[in-house]
PDB file of N, CA and C in Angstrom:
ATOM      1  N   MET A   1      66.405  80.163 114.799  1.00  0.00           N
ATOM      2  CA  MET A   1      66.869  81.497 114.601  1.00  0.00           C
ATOM      3  C   MET A   1      68.297  81.496 115.539  1.00  0.00           C
ATOM      4  N   ALA A   2      69.202  82.169 114.825  1.00  0.00           N
ATOM      5  CA  ALA A   2      70.362  82.349 115.379  1.00  0.00           C
ATOM      6  C   ALA A   2      70.343  83.378 116.664  1.00  0.00           C
ATOM      7  N   GLU A   3      71.257  82.906 117.421  1.00  0.00           N
ATOM      8  CA  GLU A   3      71.665  83.595 118.918  1.00  0.00           C
ATOM      9  C   GLU A   3      71.879  84.863 118.576  1.00  0.00           C
ATOM     10  N   LEU A   4      71.627  85.840 119.439  1.00  0.00           N
ATOM     11  CA  LEU A   4      72.054  87.184 119.414  1.00  0.00           C
ATOM     12  C   LEU A   4      73.541  87.244 119.689  1.00  0.00           C
ATOM     13  N   PRO A   5      74.269  88.214 119.204  1.00  0.00           N
ATOM     14  CA  PRO A   5      75.775  88.231 119.459  1.00  0.00           C
ATOM     15  C   PRO A   5      75.999  88.780 121.032  1.00  0.00           C
ATOM     16  N   ASP A   6      77.099  88.336 121.538  1.00  0.00           N
ATOM     17  CA  ASP A   6      77.413  88.806 122.791  1.00  0.00           C
ATOM     18  C   ASP A   6      78.489  90.109 122.317  1.00  0.00           C
ATOM     19  N   VAL A   7      77.742  91.200 122.815  1.00  0.00           N
ATOM     20  CA  VAL A   7      78.367  92.596 122.112  1.00  0.00           C
ATOM     21  C   VAL A   7      79.816  92.658 123.201  1.00  0.00           C
ATOM     22  N   GLY A   8      79.732  92.195 124.451  1.00  0.00           N
ATOM     23  CA  GLY A   8      81.116  92.288 125.209  1.00  0.00           C
ATOM     24  C   GLY A   8      82.058  91.555 124.430  1.00  0.00           C
ATOM     25  N   GLU A   9      81.862  90.309 124.081  1.00  0.00           N
ATOM     26  CA  GLU A   9      82.758  89.521 123.233  1.00  0.00           C
ATOM     27  C   GLU A   9      83.226  90.165 121.946  1.00  0.00           C
ATOM     28  N   VAL A  10      82.159  90.646 121.292  1.00  0.00           N
ATOM     29  CA  VAL A  10      82.571  91.168 120.062  1.00  0.00           C
ATOM     30  C   VAL A  10      83.570  92.507 120.089  1.00  0.00           C
ATOM     31  N   GLU A  11      83.193  93.362 121.127  1.00  0.00           N
ATOM     32  CA  GLU A  11      84.132  94.542 121.436  1.00  0.00           C
ATOM     33  C   GLU A  11      85.426  94.019 121.716  1.00  0.00           C
ATOM     34  N   GLU A  12      85.429  92.910 122.480  1.00  0.00           N
ATOM     35  CA  GLU A  12      86.969  92.424 122.949  1.00  0.00           C
ATOM     36  C   GLU A  12      87.713  92.251 121.697  1.00  0.00           C
ATOM     37  N   MET A  13      87.075  91.265 120.860  1.00  0.00           N
ATOM     38  CA  MET A  13      87.578  90.821 119.559  1.00  0.00           C
ATOM     39  C   MET A  13      88.101  92.053 118.826  1.00  0.00           C
ATOM     40  N   LEU A  14      87.212  93.119 118.511  1.00  0.00           N
ATOM     41  CA  LEU A  14      87.613  94.518 118.145  1.00  0.00           C
ATOM     42  C   LEU A  14      88.982  95.047 118.614  1.00  0.00           C
ATOM     43  N   ALA A  15      88.763  95.086 119.705  1.00  0.00           N
ATOM     44  CA  ALA A  15      89.795  95.940 120.488  1.00  0.00           C
ATOM     45  C   ALA A  15      91.163  95.118 120.175  1.00  0.00           C
ATOM     46  N   VAL A  16      91.388  93.883 120.073  1.00  0.00           N
ATOM     47  CA  VAL A  16      92.433  93.244 119.813  1.00  0.00           C
ATOM     48  C   VAL A  16      92.922  93.387 118.194  1.00  0.00           C
ATOM     49  N   ILE A  17      91.775  93.013 117.248  1.00  0.00           N
ATOM     50  CA  ILE A  17      92.203  93.329 115.991  1.00  0.00           C
ATOM     51  C   ILE A  17      92.546  94.836 115.736  1.00  0.00           C
ATOM     52  N   GLU A  18      91.927  95.893 116.332  1.00  0.00           N
ATOM     53  CA  GLU A  18      92.155  97.242 115.797  1.00  0.00           C
ATOM     54  C   GLU A  18      93.585  97.740 116.298  1.00  0.00           C
ATOM     55  N   THR A  19      94.194  96.888 117.257  1.00  0.00           N
ATOM     56  CA  THR A  19      95.528  97.287 117.671  1.00  0.00           C
ATOM     57  C   THR A  19      96.539  96.491 117.139  1.00  0.00           C
ATOM     58  N   ARG A  20      96.312  95.688 116.102  1.00  0.00           N
ATOM     59  CA  ARG A  20      97.444  94.958 115.480  1.00  0.00           C
ATOM     60  C   ARG A  20      98.414  95.950 114.701  1.00  0.00           C
ATOM     61  N   ASP A  21      99.605  95.760 114.570  1.00  0.00           N
ATOM     62  CA  ASP A  21     100.737  96.522 114.081  1.00  0.00           C
ATOM     63  C   ASP A  21     101.030  95.833 112.891  1.00  0.00           C
ATOM     64  N   PRO A  22     101.029  96.544 111.673  1.00  0.00           N
ATOM     65  CA  PRO A  22     101.163  95.953 110.333  1.00  0.00           C
ATOM     66  C   PRO A  22     102.820  95.706 110.249  1.00  0.00           C
ATOM     67  N   VAL A  23     103.779  96.211 111.221  1.00  0.00           N
ATOM     68  CA  VAL A  23     104.898  96.084 111.053  1.00  0.00           C
ATOM     69  C   VAL A  23     105.439  94.502 111.943  1.00  0.00           C
ATOM     70  N   THR A  24     104.660  94.160 112.818  1.00  0.00           N
ATOM     71  CA  THR A  24     104.905  92.896 113.646  1.00  0.00           C
ATOM     72  C   THR A  24     103.781  91.790 113.325  1.00  0.00           C
ATOM     73  N   THR A  25     102.923  92.159 112.583  1.00  0.00           N
ATOM     74  CA  THR A  25     101.784  91.191 112.185  1.00  0.00           C
ATOM     75  C   THR A  25     101.842  90.571 111.061  1.00  0.00           C
ATOM     76  N   SER A  26     101.452  89.408 110.692  1.00  0.00           N
ATOM     77  CA  SER A  26     101.754  88.694 109.547  1.00  0.00           C
ATOM     78  C   SER A  26     100.549  88.986 108.555  1.00  0.00           C
ATOM     79  N   VAL A  27     100.665  88.909 107.277  1.00  0.00           N
ATOM     80  CA  VAL A  27      99.594  88.959 106.337  1.00  0.00           C
ATOM     81  C   VAL A  27      98.583  88.062 106.629  1.00  0.00           C
ATOM     82  N   GLU A  28      99.047  86.765 107.086  1.00  0.00           N
ATOM     83  CA  GLU A  28      98.147  85.662 107.299  1.00  0.00           C
ATOM     84  C   GLU A  28      97.303  85.824 108.502  1.00  0.00           C
ATOM     85  N   GLN A  29      97.752  86.636 109.571  1.00  0.00           N
ATOM     86  CA  GLN A  29      97.085  86.992 110.728  1.00  0.00           C
ATOM     87  C   GLN A  29      95.647  88.095 110.179  1.00  0.00           C
ATOM     88  N   PHE A  30      96.400  89.210 109.374  1.00  0.00           N
ATOM     89  CA  PHE A  30      95.374  89.918 109.007  1.00  0.00           C
ATOM     90  C   PHE A  30      94.328  89.268 108.075  1.00  0.00           C
ATOM     91  N   ASP A  31      94.506  88.289 107.292  1.00  0.00           N
ATOM     92  CA  ASP A  31      93.536  87.330 106.775  1.00  0.00           C
ATOM     93  C   ASP A  31      92.805  86.905 107.661  1.00  0.00           C
ATOM     94  N   ARG A  32      93.374  86.068 108.680  1.00  0.00           N
ATOM     95  CA  ARG A  32      92.375  85.389 109.596  1.00  0.00           C
ATOM     96  C   ARG A  32      91.379  86.270 110.265  1.00  0.00           C
ATOM     97  N   ASP A  33      92.077  87.597 110.728  1.00  0.00           N
ATOM     98  CA  ASP A  33      91.312  88.513 111.479  1.00  0.00           C
ATOM     99  C   ASP A  33      90.080  89.067 110.539  1.00  0.00           C
ATOM    100  N   HIS A  34      90.382  88.899 109.068  1.00  0.00           N
ATOM    101  CA  HIS A  34      89.260  89.456 108.014  1.00  0.00           C
ATOM    102  C   HIS A  34      88.079  88.541 108.165  1.00  0.00           C
ATOM    103  N   GLY A  35      88.682  87.193 108.330  1.00  0.00           N
ATOM    104  CA  GLY A  35      87.289  86.442 108.408  1.00  0.00           C
ATOM    105  C   GLY A  35      86.651  86.370 109.525  1.00  0.00           C
ATOM    106  N   VAL A  36      87.253  86.405 110.743  1.00  0.00           N
ATOM    107  CA  VAL A  36      86.418  86.951 112.247  1.00  0.00           C
ATOM    108  C   VAL A  36      85.508  87.956 111.693  1.00  0.00           C
ATOM    109  N   LEU A  37      86.007  89.097 111.277  1.00  0.00           N
ATOM    110  CA  LEU A  37      85.348  90.402 111.114  1.00  0.00           C
ATOM    111  C   LEU A  37      84.228  90.257 110.430  1.00  0.00           C
ATOM    112  N   LEU A  38      84.229  89.494 109.298  1.00  0.00           N
ATOM    113  CA  LEU A  38      83.206  89.099 108.135  1.00  0.00           C
ATOM    114  C   LEU A  38      82.040  88.413 109.214  1.00  0.00           C
ATOM    115  N   ASP A  39      82.570  87.336 109.963  1.00  0.00           N
ATOM    116  CA  ASP A  39      81.633  86.530 110.685  1.00  0.00           C
ATOM    117  C   ASP A  39      80.757  87.405 111.731  1.00  0.00           C
ATOM    118  N   ILE A  40      81.507  88.124 112.409  1.00  0.00           N
ATOM    119  CA  ILE A  40      80.856  89.130 113.432  1.00  0.00           C
ATOM    120  C   ILE A  40      79.860  90.218 112.603  1.00  0.00           C
ATOM    121  N   GLN A  41      80.488  90.576 111.420  1.00  0.00           N
ATOM    122  CA  GLN A  41      79.681  91.548 110.722  1.00  0.00           C
ATOM    123  C   GLN A  41      78.233  91.009 110.331  1.00  0.00           C
ATOM    124  N   ALA A  42      78.346  89.784 110.117  1.00  0.00           N
ATOM    125  CA  ALA A  42      77.009  89.006 109.801  1.00  0.00           C
ATOM    126  C   ALA A  42      75.998  88.802 110.979  1.00  0.00           C
ATOM    127  N   GLU A  43      76.799  88.525 111.956  1.00  0.00           N
ATOM    128  CA  GLU A  43      75.950  88.218 113.138  1.00  0.00           C
ATOM    129  C   GLU A  43      75.375  89.614 113.872  1.00  0.00           C
ATOM    130  N   VAL A  44      76.232  90.535 113.778  1.00  0.00           N
ATOM    131  CA  VAL A  44      75.609  91.925 114.139  1.00  0.00           C
ATOM    132  C   VAL A  44      74.487  92.599 113.144  1.00  0.00           C
ATOM    133  N   ALA A  45      74.678  92.173 111.806  1.00  0.00           N
ATOM    134  CA  ALA A  45      73.742  92.951 111.096  1.00  0.00           C
ATOM    135  C   ALA A  45      72.385  92.024 111.063  1.00  0.00           C
ATOM    136  N   GLU A  46      72.685  90.881 111.381  1.00  0.00           N
ATOM    137  CA  GLU A  46      71.322  89.943 111.308  1.00  0.00           C
ATOM    138  C   GLU A  46      70.573  90.367 112.536  1.00  0.00           C
ATOM    139  N   ALA A  47      71.266  90.866 113.720  1.00  0.00           N
ATOM    140  CA  ALA A  47      70.661  91.201 115.022  1.00  0.00           C
ATOM    141  C   ALA A  47      70.061  92.596 114.714  1.00  0.00           C
ATOM    142  N   VAL A  48      70.553  93.519 113.833  1.00  0.00           N
ATOM    143  CA  VAL A  48      70.002  94.696 113.616  1.00  0.00           C
ATOM    144  C   VAL A  48      68.520  94.643 112.958  1.00  0.00           C
ATOM    145  N   LEU A  49      68.670  93.586 112.348  1.00  0.00           N
ATOM    146  CA  LEU A  49      67.375  93.282 111.493  1.00  0.00           C
ATOM    147  C   LEU A  49      66.129  92.722 112.141  1.00  0.00           C
ATOM    148  N   ARG A  50      66.737  92.177 113.244  1.00  0.00           N
ATOM    149  CA  ARG A  50      65.660  91.381 114.147  1.00  0.00           C
ATOM    150  C   ARG A  50      64.779  91.933 115.025  1.00  0.00           C
ATOM    151  N   GLU A  51      64.018  91.271 115.527  1.00  0.00           N
ATOM    152  CA  GLU A  51      63.042  91.952 116.546  1.00  0.00           C
ATOM    153  C   GLU A  51      63.780  91.534 117.742  1.00  0.00           C
ATOM    154  N   LEU A  52      64.074  92.520 118.460  1.00  0.00           N
ATOM    155  CA  LEU A  52      64.991  92.177 119.717  1.00  0.00           C
ATOM    156  C   LEU A  52      64.161  91.929 120.917  1.00  0.00           C
ATOM    157  N   PRO A  53      64.551  90.969 121.702  1.00  0.00           N
ATOM    158  CA  PRO A  53      63.879  90.750 123.023  1.00  0.00           C
ATOM    159  C   PRO A  53      63.927  91.790 123.963  1.00  0.00           C
ATOM    160  N   ALA A  54      62.910  91.885 124.780  1.00  0.00           N
ATOM    161  CA  ALA A  54      62.883  92.965 125.789  1.00  0.00           C
ATOM    162  C   ALA A  54      63.990  92.642 126.837  1.00  0.00           C
ATOM    163  N   LYS A  55      64.550  91.678 127.000  1.00  0.00           N
ATOM    164  CA  LYS A  55      65.693  91.414 128.055  1.00  0.00           C
ATOM    165  C   LYS A  55      66.972  91.449 127.266  1.00  0.00           C
ATOM    166  N   TYR A  56      67.098  91.777 126.013  1.00  0.00           N
ATOM    167  CA  TYR A  56      68.181  91.929 125.418  1.00  0.00           C
ATOM    168  C   TYR A  56      68.980  93.131 125.956  1.00  0.00           C
ATOM    169  N   PRO A  57      70.065  93.286 126.219  1.00  0.00           N
ATOM    170  CA  PRO A  57      70.773  94.502 127.149  1.00  0.00           C
ATOM    171  C   PRO A  57      71.171  95.453 125.981  1.00  0.00           C
ATOM    172  N   TYR A  58      71.076  95.321 124.697  1.00  0.00           N
ATOM    173  CA  TYR A  58      71.339  96.381 123.884  1.00  0.00           C
ATOM    174  C   TYR A  58      70.282  96.543 122.843  1.00  0.00           C
ATOM    175  N   ASN A  59      70.116  98.182 122.429  1.00  0.00           N
ATOM    176  CA  ASN A  59      68.970  98.369 121.668  1.00  0.00           C
ATOM    177  C   ASN A  59      69.430  98.428 120.155  1.00  0.00           C
ATOM    178  N   ARG A  60      68.797  98.620 119.138  1.00  0.00           N
ATOM    179  CA  ARG A  60      68.996  98.448 117.854  1.00  0.00           C
ATOM    180  C   ARG A  60      70.022  99.684 117.459  1.00  0.00           C
ATOM    181  N   ASP A  61      69.919 100.932 118.042  1.00  0.00           N
ATOM    182  CA  ASP A  61      70.865 102.071 117.939  1.00  0.00           C
ATOM    183  C   ASP A  61      72.416 101.531 118.277  1.00  0.00           C
ATOM    184  N   GLN A  62      72.425 100.898 119.301  1.00  0.00           N
ATOM    185  CA  GLN A  62      73.844 100.415 119.832  1.00  0.00           C
ATOM    186  C   GLN A  62      74.271  99.311 118.957  1.00  0.00           C
ATOM    187  N   LEU A  63      73.391  98.398 118.515  1.00  0.00           N
ATOM    188  CA  LEU A  63      73.947  97.516 117.645  1.00  0.00           C
ATOM    189  C   LEU A  63      74.437  98.208 116.083  1.00  0.00           C
ATOM    190  N   GLN A  64      73.485  99.011 115.700  1.00  0.00           N
ATOM    191  CA  GLN A  64      74.057  99.689 114.538  1.00  0.00           C
ATOM    192  C   GLN A  64      75.357 100.354 114.438  1.00  0.00           C
ATOM    193  N   ALA A  65      75.523 101.131 115.770  1.00  0.00           N
ATOM    194  CA  ALA A  65      76.857 101.721 115.923  1.00  0.00           C
ATOM    195  C   ALA A  65      77.969 100.642 116.157  1.00  0.00           C
ATOM    196  N   LEU A  66      77.582  99.400 116.699  1.00  0.00           N
ATOM    197  CA  LEU A  66      78.749  98.504 116.692  1.00  0.00           C
ATOM    198  C   LEU A  66      78.927  98.003 115.347  1.00  0.00           C
ATOM    199  N   LEU A  67      77.881  97.889 114.479  1.00  0.00           N
ATOM    200  CA  LEU A  67      78.134  97.486 113.076  1.00  0.00           C
ATOM    201  C   LEU A  67      78.965  98.295 112.140  1.00  0.00           C
ATOM    202  N   GLY A  68      78.846  99.717 112.520  1.00  0.00           N
ATOM    203  CA  GLY A  68      79.740 100.763 112.027  1.00  0.00           C
ATOM    204  C   GLY A  68      81.091 100.675 112.355  1.00  0.00           C
ATOM    205  N   ARG A  69      81.358 100.271 113.563  1.00  0.00           N
ATOM    206  CA  ARG A  69      82.741 100.112 114.136  1.00  0.00           C
ATOM    207  C   ARG A  69      83.392  98.967 113.480  1.00  0.00           C
ATOM    208  N   ILE A  70      82.658  97.788 113.098  1.00  0.00           N
ATOM    209  CA  ILE A  70      82.936  96.546 112.727  1.00  0.00           C
ATOM    210  C   ILE A  70      83.407  96.941 111.148  1.00  0.00           C
ATOM    211  N   GLN A  71      82.473  97.542 110.559  1.00  0.00           N
ATOM    212  CA  GLN A  71      82.949  98.146 108.908  1.00  0.00           C
ATOM    213  C   GLN A  71      84.094  98.697 109.063  1.00  0.00           C
ATOM    214  N   ASP A  72      84.246  99.839 110.071  1.00  0.00           N
ATOM    215  CA  ASP A  72      85.383 100.567 109.819  1.00  0.00           C
ATOM    216  C   ASP A  72      86.674  99.823 110.188  1.00  0.00           C
ATOM    217  N   THR A  73      86.531  98.604 111.177  1.00  0.00           N
ATOM    218  CA  THR A  73      87.709  97.957 111.305  1.00  0.00           C
ATOM    219  C   THR A  73      87.911  96.883 110.041  1.00  0.00           C
ATOM    220  N   ILE A  74      86.922  96.608 109.494  1.00  0.00           N
ATOM    221  CA  ILE A  74      87.231  95.768 108.327  1.00  0.00           C
ATOM    222  C   ILE A  74      87.920  96.633 107.208  1.00  0.00           C
ATOM    223  N   ALA A  75      87.637  97.788 107.046  1.00  0.00           N
ATOM    224  CA  ALA A  75      88.436  98.684 106.185  1.00  0.00           C
ATOM    225  C   ALA A  75      90.104  98.877 106.630  1.00  0.00           C
ATOM    226  N   ALA A  76      90.196  99.407 107.938  1.00  0.00           N
ATOM    227  CA  ALA A  76      91.502  99.347 108.415  1.00  0.00           C
ATOM    228  C   ALA A  76      92.197  98.009 108.362  1.00  0.00           C
ATOM    229  N   ASN A  77      91.580  97.061 108.528  1.00  0.00           N
ATOM    230  CA  ASN A  77      92.390  95.508 108.403  1.00  0.00           C
ATOM    231  C   ASN A  77      93.006  95.455 107.085  1.00  0.00           C
ATOM    232  N   ARG A  78      92.039  95.951 106.073  1.00  0.00           N
ATOM    233  CA  ARG A  78      92.605  95.626 104.641  1.00  0.00           C
ATOM    234  C   ARG A  78      93.669  96.600 104.441  1.00  0.00           C
ATOM    235  N   ALA A  79      93.692  97.671 104.860  1.00  0.00           N
ATOM    236  CA  ALA A  79      94.605  98.696 104.786  1.00  0.00           C
ATOM    237  C   ALA A  79      96.061  98.197 105.451  1.00  0.00           C
ATOM    238  N   GLN A  80      96.039  97.774 106.714  1.00  0.00           N
ATOM    239  CA  GLN A  80      97.067  97.134 107.450  1.00  0.00           C
ATOM    240  C   GLN A  80      97.647  95.952 106.710  1.00  0.00           C
ATOM    241  N   ARG A  81      96.580  95.218 106.035  1.00  0.00           N
ATOM    242  CA  ARG A  81      97.224  94.049 105.419  1.00  0.00           C
ATOM    243  C   ARG A  81      98.327  94.451 104.216  1.00  0.00           C
ATOM    244  N   GLU A  82      97.868  95.460 103.681  1.00  0.00           N
ATOM    245  CA  GLU A  82      98.550  95.805 102.464  1.00  0.00           C
ATOM    246  C   GLU A  82      99.793  96.398 102.785  1.00  0.00           C
ATOM    247  N   THR A  83      99.880  97.079 103.944  1.00  0.00           N
ATOM    248  CA  THR A  83     100.902  97.576 104.456  1.00  0.00           C
ATOM    249  C   THR A  83     101.851  96.350 104.921  1.00  0.00           C
ATOM    250  N   ALA A  84     101.420  95.513 105.753  1.00  0.00           N
ATOM    251  CA  ALA A  84     102.145  94.117 106.214  1.00  0.00           C
ATOM    252  C   ALA A  84     102.734  93.584 104.660  1.00  0.00           C
ATOM    253  N   TYR A  85     102.108  93.427 103.867  1.00  0.00           N
ATOM    254  CA  TYR A  85     102.290  92.654 102.497  1.00  0.00           C
ATOM    255  C   TYR A  85     103.599  93.503 101.843  1.00  0.00           C
ATOM    256  N   ALA A  86     103.443  94.684 101.879  1.00  0.00           N
ATOM    257  CA  ALA A  86     104.255  95.495 101.140  1.00  0.00           C
ATOM    258  C   ALA A  86     105.517  95.551 102.204  1.00  0.00           C
ATOM    259  N   LEU A  87     105.834  95.584 103.433  1.00  0.00           N
ATOM    260  CA  LEU A  87     106.779  95.264 104.241  1.00  0.00           C
ATOM    261  C   LEU A  87     107.462  93.999 104.086  1.00  0.00           C
ATOM    262  N   GLY A  88     106.528  92.855 103.851  1.00  0.00           N
ATOM    263  CA  GLY A  88     107.127  91.660 103.687  1.00  0.00           C
ATOM    264  C   GLY A  88     107.945  91.681 102.255  1.00  0.00           C
ATOM    265  N   GLN A  89     107.313  92.384 101.165  1.00  0.00           N
ATOM    266  CA  GLN A  89     107.805  92.283 100.112  1.00  0.00           C
ATOM    267  C   GLN A  89     109.296  92.824  99.971  1.00  0.00           C
ATOM    268  N   SER A  90     109.311  93.966 100.801  1.00  0.00           N
ATOM    269  CA  SER A  90     110.460  94.770 100.652  1.00  0.00           C
ATOM    270  C   SER A  90     111.643  93.928 101.468  1.00  0.00           C
ATOM    271  N   LEU A  91     111.344  93.155 102.376  1.00  0.00           N
ATOM    272  CA  LEU A  91     112.264  92.429 103.175  1.00  0.00           C
ATOM    273  C   LEU A  91     112.809  91.233 102.313  1.00  0.00           C
ATOM    274  N   ALA A  92     112.225  90.871 101.313  1.00  0.00           N
ATOM    275  CA  ALA A  92     112.368  89.653 100.541  1.00  0.00           C
ATOM    276  C   ALA A  92     113.300  89.800  99.769  1.00  0.00           C
TER     277      ALA A  92
END
């Protein structure tokens, strides 16, 4: 059975990814971020579906909200990637 996600670590990663600027961030970085987001999405989705131990500091509703935030960040990441790509094309 997989380990439960470290929610604090996930929130830190999201905070970094959510603040990327498409003007100064490369398309490649947005693609790397996308891979990270998909990995943490899978971890959190699995945790939402599992029986949570009593000692786990987060409940299912909190994990579901985190999953929604991850999904929103994935959508924003893809839009920002497109912006970064378009900016790169206009400079070429």
